[in-house]
Amino acid sequence: MIAVLALIAGVVLGVLLDPTVPPALLPYLPIAVVAALDAVFGGVRAKLDGIFDDKQFVISFISNVLVAGIIVYLGDQLGVGGQLSTGVVVVLGVRIFGNVAAIRRHLFRA
């Protein structure tokens, strides 16, 4: 319940305050969002499997975002930022779809 209220509060604050992202960080924002979604779906799957640990979730969330951002930053420095960004999105997308499939199987027994 607290998480839902925090989510609602975050959305309301985001709409009211209209935050801006510095232009230098714009290439990393989509990657950070996909990495965060991977952690969230992994957490939901772990909760449904009965093995959720809040400390592990927070560490997974932060490390996913940081590692994905570092990989894309290194790609930018090497001149292959677009290719590494695509690679990160593909890998995290596969993980997200795997977690969603496990969640679907758990919820619908199908």
PDB file of N, CA and C in Angstrom:
ATOM      1  N   MET A   1       0.821  -1.194   0.000  1.00  0.00           N
ATOM      2  CA  MET A   1       0.000   0.000   0.000  1.00  0.00           C
ATOM      3  C   MET A   1       0.864   1.257   0.000  1.00  0.00           C
ATOM      4  N   ILE A   2       1.943   1.209   0.779  1.00  0.00           N
ATOM      5  CA  ILE A   2       2.838   2.360   0.843  1.00  0.00           C
ATOM      6  C   ILE A   2       3.484   2.609  -0.517  1.00  0.00           C
ATOM      7  N   ALA A   3       3.840   1.525  -1.206  1.00  0.00           N
ATOM      8  CA  ALA A   3       4.466   1.668  -2.520  1.00  0.00           C
ATOM      9  C   ALA A   3       3.509   2.323  -3.519  1.00  0.00           C
ATOM     10  N   VAL A   4       2.251   1.952  -3.474  1.00  0.00           N
ATOM     11  CA  VAL A   4       1.257   2.531  -4.387  1.00  0.00           C
ATOM     12  C   VAL A   4       1.077   4.017  -4.093  1.00  0.00           C
ATOM     13  N   LEU A   5       0.999   4.360  -2.808  1.00  0.00           N
ATOM     14  CA  LEU A   5       0.868   5.776  -2.442  1.00  0.00           C
ATOM     15  C   LEU A   5       2.097   6.571  -2.858  1.00  0.00           C
ATOM     16  N   ALA A   6       3.287   5.981  -2.689  1.00  0.00           N
ATOM     17  CA  ALA A   6       4.515   6.657  -3.108  1.00  0.00           C
ATOM     18  C   ALA A   6       4.537   6.842  -4.620  1.00  0.00           C
ATOM     19  N   LEU A   7       4.077   5.837  -5.361  1.00  0.00           N
ATOM     20  CA  LEU A   7       4.018   5.953  -6.817  1.00  0.00           C
ATOM     21  C   LEU A   7       3.070   7.076  -7.237  1.00  0.00           C
ATOM     22  N   ILE A   8       1.907   7.121  -6.629  1.00  0.00           N
ATOM     23  CA  ILE A   8       0.933   8.172  -6.949  1.00  0.00           C
ATOM     24  C   ILE A   8       1.507   9.545  -6.609  1.00  0.00           C
ATOM     25  N   ALA A   9       2.145   9.663  -5.440  1.00  0.00           N
ATOM     26  CA  ALA A   9       2.747  10.932  -5.035  1.00  0.00           C
ATOM     27  C   ALA A   9       3.845  11.345  -6.015  1.00  0.00           C
ATOM     28  N   GLY A  10       4.643  10.392  -6.465  1.00  0.00           N
ATOM     29  CA  GLY A  10       5.705  10.689  -7.422  1.00  0.00           C
ATOM     30  C   GLY A  10       5.170  11.168  -8.755  1.00  0.00           C
ATOM     31  N   VAL A  11       4.111  10.530  -9.226  1.00  0.00           N
ATOM     32  CA  VAL A  11       3.508  10.948 -10.497  1.00  0.00           C
ATOM     33  C   VAL A  11       2.914  12.348 -10.372  1.00  0.00           C
ATOM     34  N   VAL A  12       2.211  12.599  -9.279  1.00  0.00           N
ATOM     35  CA  VAL A  12       1.609  13.927  -9.069  1.00  0.00           C
ATOM     36  C   VAL A  12       2.693  14.997  -8.985  1.00  0.00           C
ATOM     37  N   LEU A  13       3.761  14.726  -8.223  1.00  0.00           N
ATOM     38  CA  LEU A  13       4.855  15.700  -8.126  1.00  0.00           C
ATOM     39  C   LEU A  13       5.529  15.915  -9.480  1.00  0.00           C
ATOM     40  N   GLY A  14       5.703  14.855 -10.245  1.00  0.00           N
ATOM     41  CA  GLY A  14       6.301  14.989 -11.563  1.00  0.00           C
ATOM     42  C   GLY A  14       5.472  15.836 -12.501  1.00  0.00           C
ATOM     43  N   VAL A  15       4.161  15.684 -12.430  1.00  0.00           N
ATOM     44  CA  VAL A  15       3.271  16.474 -13.292  1.00  0.00           C
ATOM     45  C   VAL A  15       3.248  17.936 -12.840  1.00  0.00           C
ATOM     46  N   LEU A  16       3.191  18.156 -11.540  1.00  0.00           N
ATOM     47  CA  LEU A  16       3.099  19.524 -11.025  1.00  0.00           C
ATOM     48  C   LEU A  16       4.406  20.297 -11.162  1.00  0.00           C
ATOM     49  N   LEU A  17       5.530  19.647 -10.878  1.00  0.00           N
ATOM     50  CA  LEU A  17       6.817  20.345 -10.884  1.00  0.00           C
ATOM     51  C   LEU A  17       7.463  20.399 -12.265  1.00  0.00           C
ATOM     52  N   ASP A  18       7.058  19.520 -13.166  1.00  0.00           N
ATOM     53  CA  ASP A  18       7.589  19.477 -14.530  1.00  0.00           C
ATOM     54  C   ASP A  18       9.117  19.518 -14.544  1.00  0.00           C
ATOM     55  N   PRO A  19       9.773  18.483 -13.971  1.00  0.00           N
ATOM     56  CA  PRO A  19      11.244  18.501 -13.909  1.00  0.00           C
ATOM     57  C   PRO A  19      11.856  18.374 -15.301  1.00  0.00           C
ATOM     58  N   THR A  20      13.047  18.944 -15.452  1.00  0.00           N
ATOM     59  CA  THR A  20      13.763  18.849 -16.719  1.00  0.00           C
ATOM     60  C   THR A  20      15.042  18.040 -16.498  1.00  0.00           C
ATOM     61  N   VAL A  21      15.428  17.325 -17.511  1.00  0.00           N
ATOM     62  CA  VAL A  21      16.647  16.531 -17.475  1.00  0.00           C
ATOM     63  C   VAL A  21      17.729  17.305 -18.207  1.00  0.00           C
ATOM     64  N   PRO A  22      18.915  17.426 -17.607  1.00  0.00           N
ATOM     65  CA  PRO A  22      19.999  18.123 -18.307  1.00  0.00           C
ATOM     66  C   PRO A  22      20.291  17.444 -19.647  1.00  0.00           C
ATOM     67  N   PRO A  23      20.555  18.236 -20.679  1.00  0.00           N
ATOM     68  CA  PRO A  23      20.779  17.659 -22.015  1.00  0.00           C
ATOM     69  C   PRO A  23      21.879  16.603 -22.056  1.00  0.00           C
ATOM     70  N   ALA A  24      22.888  16.738 -21.210  1.00  0.00           N
ATOM     71  CA  ALA A  24      23.982  15.761 -21.212  1.00  0.00           C
ATOM     72  C   ALA A  24      23.521  14.382 -20.743  1.00  0.00           C
ATOM     73  N   LEU A  25      22.449  14.338 -19.961  1.00  0.00           N
ATOM     74  CA  LEU A  25      21.962  13.059 -19.436  1.00  0.00           C
ATOM     75  C   LEU A  25      20.838  12.446 -20.275  1.00  0.00           C
ATOM     76  N   LEU A  26      20.344  13.164 -21.251  1.00  0.00           N
ATOM     77  CA  LEU A  26      19.223  12.672 -22.062  1.00  0.00           C
ATOM     78  C   LEU A  26      19.482  11.324 -22.737  1.00  0.00           C
ATOM     79  N   PRO A  27      20.674  11.037 -23.254  1.00  0.00           N
ATOM     80  CA  PRO A  27      20.874   9.720 -23.888  1.00  0.00           C
ATOM     81  C   PRO A  27      20.795   8.558 -22.904  1.00  0.00           C
ATOM     82  N   TYR A  28      20.995   8.841 -21.622  1.00  0.00           N
ATOM     83  CA  TYR A  28      21.040   7.779 -20.617  1.00  0.00           C
ATOM     84  C   TYR A  28      19.682   7.529 -19.957  1.00  0.00           C
ATOM     85  N   LEU A  29      18.758   8.449 -20.089  1.00  0.00           N
ATOM     86  CA  LEU A  29      17.461   8.320 -19.432  1.00  0.00           C
ATOM     87  C   LEU A  29      16.666   7.100 -19.904  1.00  0.00           C
ATOM     88  N   PRO A  30      16.524   6.871 -21.215  1.00  0.00           N
ATOM     89  CA  PRO A  30      15.771   5.673 -21.631  1.00  0.00           C
ATOM     90  C   PRO A  30      16.407   4.376 -21.151  1.00  0.00           C
ATOM     91  N   ILE A  31      17.731   4.323 -21.134  1.00  0.00           N
ATOM     92  CA  ILE A  31      18.420   3.125 -20.671  1.00  0.00           C
ATOM     93  C   ILE A  31      18.175   2.929 -19.188  1.00  0.00           C
ATOM     94  N   ALA A  32      18.206   4.015 -18.418  1.00  0.00           N
ATOM     95  CA  ALA A  32      17.957   3.933 -16.984  1.00  0.00           C
ATOM     96  C   ALA A  32      16.533   3.458 -16.707  1.00  0.00           C
ATOM     97  N   VAL A  33      15.579   3.926 -17.493  1.00  0.00           N
ATOM     98  CA  VAL A  33      14.184   3.508 -17.301  1.00  0.00           C
ATOM     99  C   VAL A  33      14.018   2.020 -17.601  1.00  0.00           C
ATOM    100  N   VAL A  34      14.619   1.537 -18.681  1.00  0.00           N
ATOM    101  CA  VAL A  34      14.522   0.119 -19.028  1.00  0.00           C
ATOM    102  C   VAL A  34      15.207  -0.731 -17.958  1.00  0.00           C
ATOM    103  N   ALA A  35      16.351  -0.287 -17.457  1.00  0.00           N
ATOM    104  CA  ALA A  35      17.049  -1.026 -16.398  1.00  0.00           C
ATOM    105  C   ALA A  35      16.212  -1.048 -15.120  1.00  0.00           C
ATOM    106  N   ALA A  36      15.569   0.062 -14.800  1.00  0.00           N
ATOM    107  CA  ALA A  36      14.710   0.109 -13.622  1.00  0.00           C
ATOM    108  C   ALA A  36      13.503  -0.811 -13.791  1.00  0.00           C
ATOM    109  N   LEU A  37      12.917  -0.831 -14.993  1.00  0.00           N
ATOM    110  CA  LEU A  37      11.788  -1.731 -15.250  1.00  0.00           C
ATOM    111  C   LEU A  37      12.201  -3.194 -15.096  1.00  0.00           C
ATOM    112  N   ASP A  38      13.411  -3.531 -15.513  1.00  0.00           N
ATOM    113  CA  ASP A  38      13.907  -4.885 -15.340  1.00  0.00           C
ATOM    114  C   ASP A  38      13.936  -5.250 -13.861  1.00  0.00           C
ATOM    115  N   ALA A  39      14.432  -4.352 -13.027  1.00  0.00           N
ATOM    116  CA  ALA A  39      14.482  -4.616 -11.591  1.00  0.00           C
ATOM    117  C   ALA A  39      13.078  -4.738 -10.996  1.00  0.00           C
ATOM    118  N   VAL A  40      12.165  -3.884 -11.434  1.00  0.00           N
ATOM    119  CA  VAL A  40      10.799  -3.916 -10.899  1.00  0.00           C
ATOM    120  C   VAL A  40      10.103  -5.227 -11.260  1.00  0.00           C
ATOM    121  N   PHE A  41      10.188  -5.632 -12.528  1.00  0.00           N
ATOM    122  CA  PHE A  41       9.543  -6.891 -12.921  1.00  0.00           C
ATOM    123  C   PHE A  41      10.211  -8.083 -12.246  1.00  0.00           C
ATOM    124  N   GLY A  42      11.527  -8.018 -12.045  1.00  0.00           N
ATOM    125  CA  GLY A  42      12.210  -9.075 -11.295  1.00  0.00           C
ATOM    126  C   GLY A  42      11.732  -9.125  -9.859  1.00  0.00           C
ATOM    127  N   GLY A  43      11.485  -7.956  -9.269  1.00  0.00           N
ATOM    128  CA  GLY A  43      10.963  -7.907  -7.904  1.00  0.00           C
ATOM    129  C   GLY A  43       9.553  -8.465  -7.794  1.00  0.00           C
ATOM    130  N   VAL A  44       8.717  -8.147  -8.772  1.00  0.00           N
ATOM    131  CA  VAL A  44       7.351  -8.692  -8.772  1.00  0.00           C
ATOM    132  C   VAL A  44       7.397 -10.209  -8.917  1.00  0.00           C
ATOM    133  N   ARG A  45       8.255 -10.692  -9.793  1.00  0.00           N
ATOM    134  CA  ARG A  45       8.388 -12.137  -9.967  1.00  0.00           C
ATOM    135  C   ARG A  45       8.875 -12.799  -8.680  1.00  0.00           C
ATOM    136  N   ALA A  46       9.861 -12.195  -8.033  1.00  0.00           N
ATOM    137  CA  ALA A  46      10.375 -12.749  -6.780  1.00  0.00           C
ATOM    138  C   ALA A  46       9.295 -12.755  -5.699  1.00  0.00           C
ATOM    139  N   LYS A  47       8.488 -11.710  -5.661  1.00  0.00           N
ATOM    140  CA  LYS A  47       7.390 -11.648  -4.677  1.00  0.00           C
ATOM    141  C   LYS A  47       6.395 -12.769  -4.913  1.00  0.00           C
ATOM    142  N   LEU A  48       6.034 -12.998  -6.166  1.00  0.00           N
ATOM    143  CA  LEU A  48       5.085 -14.060  -6.482  1.00  0.00           C
ATOM    144  C   LEU A  48       5.686 -15.448  -6.217  1.00  0.00           C
ATOM    145  N   ASP A  49       7.003 -15.572  -6.366  1.00  0.00           N
ATOM    146  CA  ASP A  49       7.672 -16.844  -6.094  1.00  0.00           C
ATOM    147  C   ASP A  49       7.947 -17.035  -4.604  1.00  0.00           C
ATOM    148  N   GLY A  50       7.697 -15.992  -3.806  1.00  0.00           N
ATOM    149  CA  GLY A  50       7.893 -16.079  -2.368  1.00  0.00           C
ATOM    150  C   GLY A  50       9.339 -15.932  -1.932  1.00  0.00           C
ATOM    151  N   ILE A  51      10.187 -15.340  -2.774  1.00  0.00           N
ATOM    152  CA  ILE A  51      11.600 -15.200  -2.427  1.00  0.00           C
ATOM    153  C   ILE A  51      12.048 -13.736  -2.464  1.00  0.00           C
ATOM    154  N   PHE A  52      11.113 -12.813  -2.336  1.00  0.00           N
ATOM    155  CA  PHE A  52      11.445 -11.394  -2.414  1.00  0.00           C
ATOM    156  C   PHE A  52      12.233 -10.960  -1.189  1.00  0.00           C
ATOM    157  N   ASP A  53      13.281 -10.181  -1.417  1.00  0.00           N
ATOM    158  CA  ASP A  53      14.080  -9.596  -0.343  1.00  0.00           C
ATOM    159  C   ASP A  53      14.255  -8.120  -0.665  1.00  0.00           C
ATOM    160  N   ASP A  54      13.806  -7.258   0.237  1.00  0.00           N
ATOM    161  CA  ASP A  54      13.826  -5.827  -0.059  1.00  0.00           C
ATOM    162  C   ASP A  54      15.233  -5.277  -0.243  1.00  0.00           C
ATOM    163  N   LYS A  55      16.204  -5.744   0.518  1.00  0.00           N
ATOM    164  CA  LYS A  55      17.580  -5.269   0.345  1.00  0.00           C
ATOM    165  C   LYS A  55      18.126  -5.680  -1.017  1.00  0.00           C
ATOM    166  N   GLN A  56      17.853  -6.911  -1.406  1.00  0.00           N
ATOM    167  CA  GLN A  56      18.316  -7.386  -2.710  1.00  0.00           C
ATOM    168  C   GLN A  56      17.643  -6.592  -3.831  1.00  0.00           C
ATOM    169  N   PHE A  57      16.368  -6.252  -3.659  1.00  0.00           N
ATOM    170  CA  PHE A  57      15.663  -5.475  -4.676  1.00  0.00           C
ATOM    171  C   PHE A  57      16.287  -4.098  -4.850  1.00  0.00           C
ATOM    172  N   VAL A  58      16.548  -3.407  -3.744  1.00  0.00           N
ATOM    173  CA  VAL A  58      17.125  -2.061  -3.823  1.00  0.00           C
ATOM    174  C   VAL A  58      18.502  -2.116  -4.472  1.00  0.00           C
ATOM    175  N   ILE A  59      19.316  -3.079  -4.075  1.00  0.00           N
ATOM    176  CA  ILE A  59      20.652  -3.216  -4.662  1.00  0.00           C
ATOM    177  C   ILE A  59      20.543  -3.546  -6.147  1.00  0.00           C
ATOM    178  N   SER A  60      19.622  -4.429  -6.517  1.00  0.00           N
ATOM    179  CA  SER A  60      19.421  -4.783  -7.918  1.00  0.00           C
ATOM    180  C   SER A  60      18.967  -3.569  -8.727  1.00  0.00           C
ATOM    181  N   PHE A  61      18.050  -2.804  -8.177  1.00  0.00           N
ATOM    182  CA  PHE A  61      17.523  -1.622  -8.853  1.00  0.00           C
ATOM    183  C   PHE A  61      18.641  -0.625  -9.137  1.00  0.00           C
ATOM    184  N   ILE A  62      19.399  -0.282  -8.103  1.00  0.00           N
ATOM    185  CA  ILE A  62      20.466   0.708  -8.251  1.00  0.00           C
ATOM    186  C   ILE A  62      21.571   0.195  -9.160  1.00  0.00           C
ATOM    187  N   SER A  63      21.985  -1.057  -8.959  1.00  0.00           N
ATOM    188  CA  SER A  63      23.089  -1.585  -9.769  1.00  0.00           C
ATOM    189  C   SER A  63      22.686  -1.744 -11.230  1.00  0.00           C
ATOM    190  N   ASN A  64      21.441  -2.144 -11.514  1.00  0.00           N
ATOM    191  CA  ASN A  64      20.978  -2.249 -12.903  1.00  0.00           C
ATOM    192  C   ASN A  64      21.088  -0.903 -13.606  1.00  0.00           C
ATOM    193  N   VAL A  65      20.603   0.145 -12.946  1.00  0.00           N
ATOM    194  CA  VAL A  65      20.620   1.476 -13.549  1.00  0.00           C
ATOM    195  C   VAL A  65      22.060   1.961 -13.746  1.00  0.00           C
ATOM    196  N   LEU A  66      22.897   1.761 -12.724  1.00  0.00           N
ATOM    197  CA  LEU A  66      24.288   2.224 -12.830  1.00  0.00           C
ATOM    198  C   LEU A  66      25.069   1.464 -13.897  1.00  0.00           C
ATOM    199  N   VAL A  67      24.954   0.147 -13.906  1.00  0.00           N
ATOM    200  CA  VAL A  67      25.711  -0.644 -14.882  1.00  0.00           C
ATOM    201  C   VAL A  67      25.248  -0.332 -16.303  1.00  0.00           C
ATOM    202  N   ALA A  68      23.943  -0.233 -16.511  1.00  0.00           N
ATOM    203  CA  ALA A  68      23.446   0.097 -17.849  1.00  0.00           C
ATOM    204  C   ALA A  68      23.945   1.476 -18.279  1.00  0.00           C
ATOM    205  N   GLY A  69      23.915   2.440 -17.366  1.00  0.00           N
ATOM    206  CA  GLY A  69      24.402   3.778 -17.687  1.00  0.00           C
ATOM    207  C   GLY A  69      25.896   3.790 -17.988  1.00  0.00           C
ATOM    208  N   ILE A  70      26.662   3.035 -17.224  1.00  0.00           N
ATOM    209  CA  ILE A  70      28.114   2.973 -17.453  1.00  0.00           C
ATOM    210  C   ILE A  70      28.420   2.334 -18.800  1.00  0.00           C
ATOM    211  N   ILE A  71      27.697   1.277 -19.144  1.00  0.00           N
ATOM    212  CA  ILE A  71      27.924   0.628 -20.442  1.00  0.00           C
ATOM    213  C   ILE A  71      27.643   1.598 -21.589  1.00  0.00           C
ATOM    214  N   VAL A  72      26.558   2.330 -21.493  1.00  0.00           N
ATOM    215  CA  VAL A  72      26.224   3.283 -22.550  1.00  0.00           C
ATOM    216  C   VAL A  72      27.233   4.428 -22.573  1.00  0.00           C
ATOM    217  N   TYR A  73      27.665   4.889 -21.410  1.00  0.00           N
ATOM    218  CA  TYR A  73      28.686   5.949 -21.353  1.00  0.00           C
ATOM    219  C   TYR A  73      29.980   5.479 -22.015  1.00  0.00           C
ATOM    220  N   LEU A  74      30.419   4.279 -21.684  1.00  0.00           N
ATOM    221  CA  LEU A  74      31.635   3.745 -22.303  1.00  0.00           C
ATOM    222  C   LEU A  74      31.462   3.616 -23.818  1.00  0.00           C
ATOM    223  N   GLY A  75      30.278   3.197 -24.239  1.00  0.00           N
ATOM    224  CA  GLY A  75      30.005   3.122 -25.675  1.00  0.00           C
ATOM    225  C   GLY A  75      30.104   4.483 -26.338  1.00  0.00           C
ATOM    226  N   ASP A  76      29.597   5.516 -25.652  1.00  0.00           N
ATOM    227  CA  ASP A  76      29.709   6.877 -26.192  1.00  0.00           C
ATOM    228  C   ASP A  76      31.176   7.294 -26.303  1.00  0.00           C
ATOM    229  N   GLN A  77      31.953   6.962 -25.305  1.00  0.00           N
ATOM    230  CA  GLN A  77      33.372   7.323 -25.317  1.00  0.00           C
ATOM    231  C   GLN A  77      34.130   6.588 -26.422  1.00  0.00           C
ATOM    232  N   LEU A  78      33.714   5.363 -26.723  1.00  0.00           N
ATOM    233  CA  LEU A  78      34.362   4.568 -27.762  1.00  0.00           C
ATOM    234  C   LEU A  78      33.799   4.849 -29.155  1.00  0.00           C
ATOM    235  N   GLY A  79      32.708   5.622 -29.212  1.00  0.00           N
ATOM    236  CA  GLY A  79      32.109   5.942 -30.505  1.00  0.00           C
ATOM    237  C   GLY A  79      31.101   4.920 -30.987  1.00  0.00           C
ATOM    238  N   VAL A  80      30.679   4.021 -30.114  1.00  0.00           N
ATOM    239  CA  VAL A  80      29.690   2.991 -30.487  1.00  0.00           C
ATOM    240  C   VAL A  80      28.505   3.039 -29.517  1.00  0.00           C
ATOM    241  N   GLY A  81      28.150   4.249 -29.087  1.00  0.00           N
ATOM    242  CA  GLY A  81      27.086   4.410 -28.097  1.00  0.00           C
ATOM    243  C   GLY A  81      25.758   3.842 -28.538  1.00  0.00           C
ATOM    244  N   GLY A  82      25.416   4.051 -29.799  1.00  0.00           N
ATOM    245  CA  GLY A  82      24.137   3.549 -30.306  1.00  0.00           C
ATOM    246  C   GLY A  82      24.058   2.036 -30.295  1.00  0.00           C
ATOM    247  N   GLN A  83      25.141   1.397 -30.682  1.00  0.00           N
ATOM    248  CA  GLN A  83      25.155  -0.065 -30.711  1.00  0.00           C
ATOM    249  C   GLN A  83      25.077  -0.642 -29.302  1.00  0.00           C
ATOM    250  N   LEU A  84      25.831  -0.065 -28.358  1.00  0.00           N
ATOM    251  CA  LEU A  84      25.780  -0.571 -26.988  1.00  0.00           C
ATOM    252  C   LEU A  84      24.439  -0.266 -26.338  1.00  0.00           C
ATOM    253  N   SER A  85      23.841   0.880 -26.663  1.00  0.00           N
ATOM    254  CA  SER A  85      22.511   1.197 -26.144  1.00  0.00           C
ATOM    255  C   SER A  85      21.507   0.155 -26.625  1.00  0.00           C
ATOM    256  N   THR A  86      21.586  -0.189 -27.899  1.00  0.00           N
ATOM    257  CA  THR A  86      20.698  -1.212 -28.448  1.00  0.00           C
ATOM    258  C   THR A  86      20.935  -2.550 -27.764  1.00  0.00           C
ATOM    259  N   GLY A  87      22.195  -2.886 -27.544  1.00  0.00           N
ATOM    260  CA  GLY A  87      22.522  -4.140 -26.874  1.00  0.00           C
ATOM    261  C   GLY A  87      21.960  -4.197 -25.462  1.00  0.00           C
ATOM    262  N   VAL A  88      22.093  -3.106 -24.723  1.00  0.00           N
ATOM    263  CA  VAL A  88      21.569  -3.055 -23.359  1.00  0.00           C
ATOM    264  C   VAL A  88      20.052  -3.198 -23.370  1.00  0.00           C
ATOM    265  N   VAL A  89      19.392  -2.497 -24.281  1.00  0.00           N
ATOM    266  CA  VAL A  89      17.927  -2.580 -24.357  1.00  0.00           C
ATOM    267  C   VAL A  89      17.481  -3.993 -24.730  1.00  0.00           C
ATOM    268  N   VAL A  90      18.182  -4.640 -25.642  1.00  0.00           N
ATOM    269  CA  VAL A  90      17.822  -6.001 -26.047  1.00  0.00           C
ATOM    270  C   VAL A  90      17.981  -6.965 -24.870  1.00  0.00           C
ATOM    271  N   VAL A  91      19.118  -6.897 -24.183  1.00  0.00           N
ATOM    272  CA  VAL A  91      19.354  -7.801 -23.051  1.00  0.00           C
ATOM    273  C   VAL A  91      18.336  -7.576 -21.952  1.00  0.00           C
ATOM    274  N   LEU A  92      18.127  -6.325 -21.588  1.00  0.00           N
ATOM    275  CA  LEU A  92      17.156  -6.042 -20.528  1.00  0.00           C
ATOM    276  C   LEU A  92      15.731  -6.360 -20.991  1.00  0.00           C
ATOM    277  N   GLY A  93      15.445  -6.135 -22.267  1.00  0.00           N
ATOM    278  CA  GLY A  93      14.127  -6.488 -22.798  1.00  0.00           C
ATOM    279  C   GLY A  93      13.859  -7.974 -22.715  1.00  0.00           C
ATOM    280  N   VAL A  94      14.851  -8.774 -23.030  1.00  0.00           N
ATOM    281  CA  VAL A  94      14.697 -10.233 -22.917  1.00  0.00           C
ATOM    282  C   VAL A  94      14.418 -10.615 -21.468  1.00  0.00           C
ATOM    283  N   ARG A  95      15.149  -9.999 -20.541  1.00  0.00           N
ATOM    284  CA  ARG A  95      14.926 -10.288 -19.113  1.00  0.00           C
ATOM    285  C   ARG A  95      13.531  -9.852 -18.676  1.00  0.00           C
ATOM    286  N   ILE A  96      13.096  -8.682 -19.138  1.00  0.00           N
ATOM    287  CA  ILE A  96      11.766  -8.189 -18.774  1.00  0.00           C
ATOM    288  C   ILE A  96      10.695  -9.139 -19.298  1.00  0.00           C
ATOM    289  N   PHE A  97      10.803  -9.550 -20.566  1.00  0.00           N
ATOM    290  CA  PHE A  97       9.800 -10.462 -21.120  1.00  0.00           C
ATOM    291  C   PHE A  97       9.823 -11.811 -20.415  1.00  0.00           C
ATOM    292  N   GLY A  98      11.005 -12.275 -20.013  1.00  0.00           N
ATOM    293  CA  GLY A  98      11.082 -13.520 -19.253  1.00  0.00           C
ATOM    294  C   GLY A  98      10.388 -13.401 -17.908  1.00  0.00           C
ATOM    295  N   ASN A  99      10.599 -12.275 -17.238  1.00  0.00           N
ATOM    296  CA  ASN A  99       9.927 -12.060 -15.955  1.00  0.00           C
ATOM    297  C   ASN A  99       8.421 -11.908 -16.122  1.00  0.00           C
ATOM    298  N   VAL A 100       8.003 -11.192 -17.167  1.00  0.00           N
ATOM    299  CA  VAL A 100       6.559 -11.029 -17.414  1.00  0.00           C
ATOM    300  C   VAL A 100       5.923 -12.384 -17.724  1.00  0.00           C
ATOM    301  N   ALA A 101       6.620 -13.228 -18.478  1.00  0.00           N
ATOM    302  CA  ALA A 101       6.081 -14.564 -18.772  1.00  0.00           C
ATOM    303  C   ALA A 101       5.939 -15.376 -17.493  1.00  0.00           C
ATOM    304  N   ALA A 102       6.918 -15.290 -16.602  1.00  0.00           N
ATOM    305  CA  ALA A 102       6.833 -16.016 -15.330  1.00  0.00           C
ATOM    306  C   ALA A 102       5.700 -15.468 -14.463  1.00  0.00           C
ATOM    307  N   ILE A 103       5.527 -14.148 -14.472  1.00  0.00           N
ATOM    308  CA  ILE A 103       4.427 -13.543 -13.718  1.00  0.00           C
ATOM    309  C   ILE A 103       3.090 -13.997 -14.281  1.00  0.00           C
ATOM    310  N   ARG A 104       2.973 -13.991 -15.607  1.00  0.00           N
ATOM    311  CA  ARG A 104       1.722 -14.449 -16.257  1.00  0.00           C
ATOM    312  C   ARG A 104       1.434 -15.898 -15.895  1.00  0.00           C
ATOM    313  N   ARG A 105       2.453 -16.753 -15.963  1.00  0.00           N
ATOM    314  CA  ARG A 105       2.252 -18.163 -15.613  1.00  0.00           C
ATOM    315  C   ARG A 105       1.816 -18.310 -14.165  1.00  0.00           C
ATOM    316  N   HIS A 106       2.391 -17.503 -13.295  1.00  0.00           N
ATOM    317  CA  HIS A 106       2.058 -17.605 -11.883  1.00  0.00           C
ATOM    318  C   HIS A 106       0.631 -17.115 -11.610  1.00  0.00           C
ATOM    319  N   LEU A 107       0.244 -16.011 -12.242  1.00  0.00           N
ATOM    320  CA  LEU A 107      -1.078 -15.426 -11.986  1.00  0.00           C
ATOM    321  C   LEU A 107      -2.211 -16.193 -12.664  1.00  0.00           C
ATOM    322  N   PHE A 108      -1.976 -16.629 -13.898  1.00  0.00           N
ATOM    323  CA  PHE A 108      -3.055 -17.249 -14.667  1.00  0.00           C
ATOM    324  C   PHE A 108      -2.906 -18.752 -14.799  1.00  0.00           C
ATOM    325  N   ARG A 109      -1.866 -19.311 -14.233  1.00  0.00           N
ATOM    326  CA  ARG A 109      -1.599 -20.745 -14.306  1.00  0.00           C
ATOM    327  C   ARG A 109      -1.560 -21.213 -15.759  1.00  0.00           C
ATOM    328  N   ALA A 110      -1.021 -20.336 -16.620  1.00  0.00           N
ATOM    329  CA  ALA A 110      -0.958 -20.678 -18.039  1.00  0.00           C
ATOM    330  C   ALA A 110       0.384 -20.312 -18.619  1.00  0.00           C
TER     331      ALA A 110
END
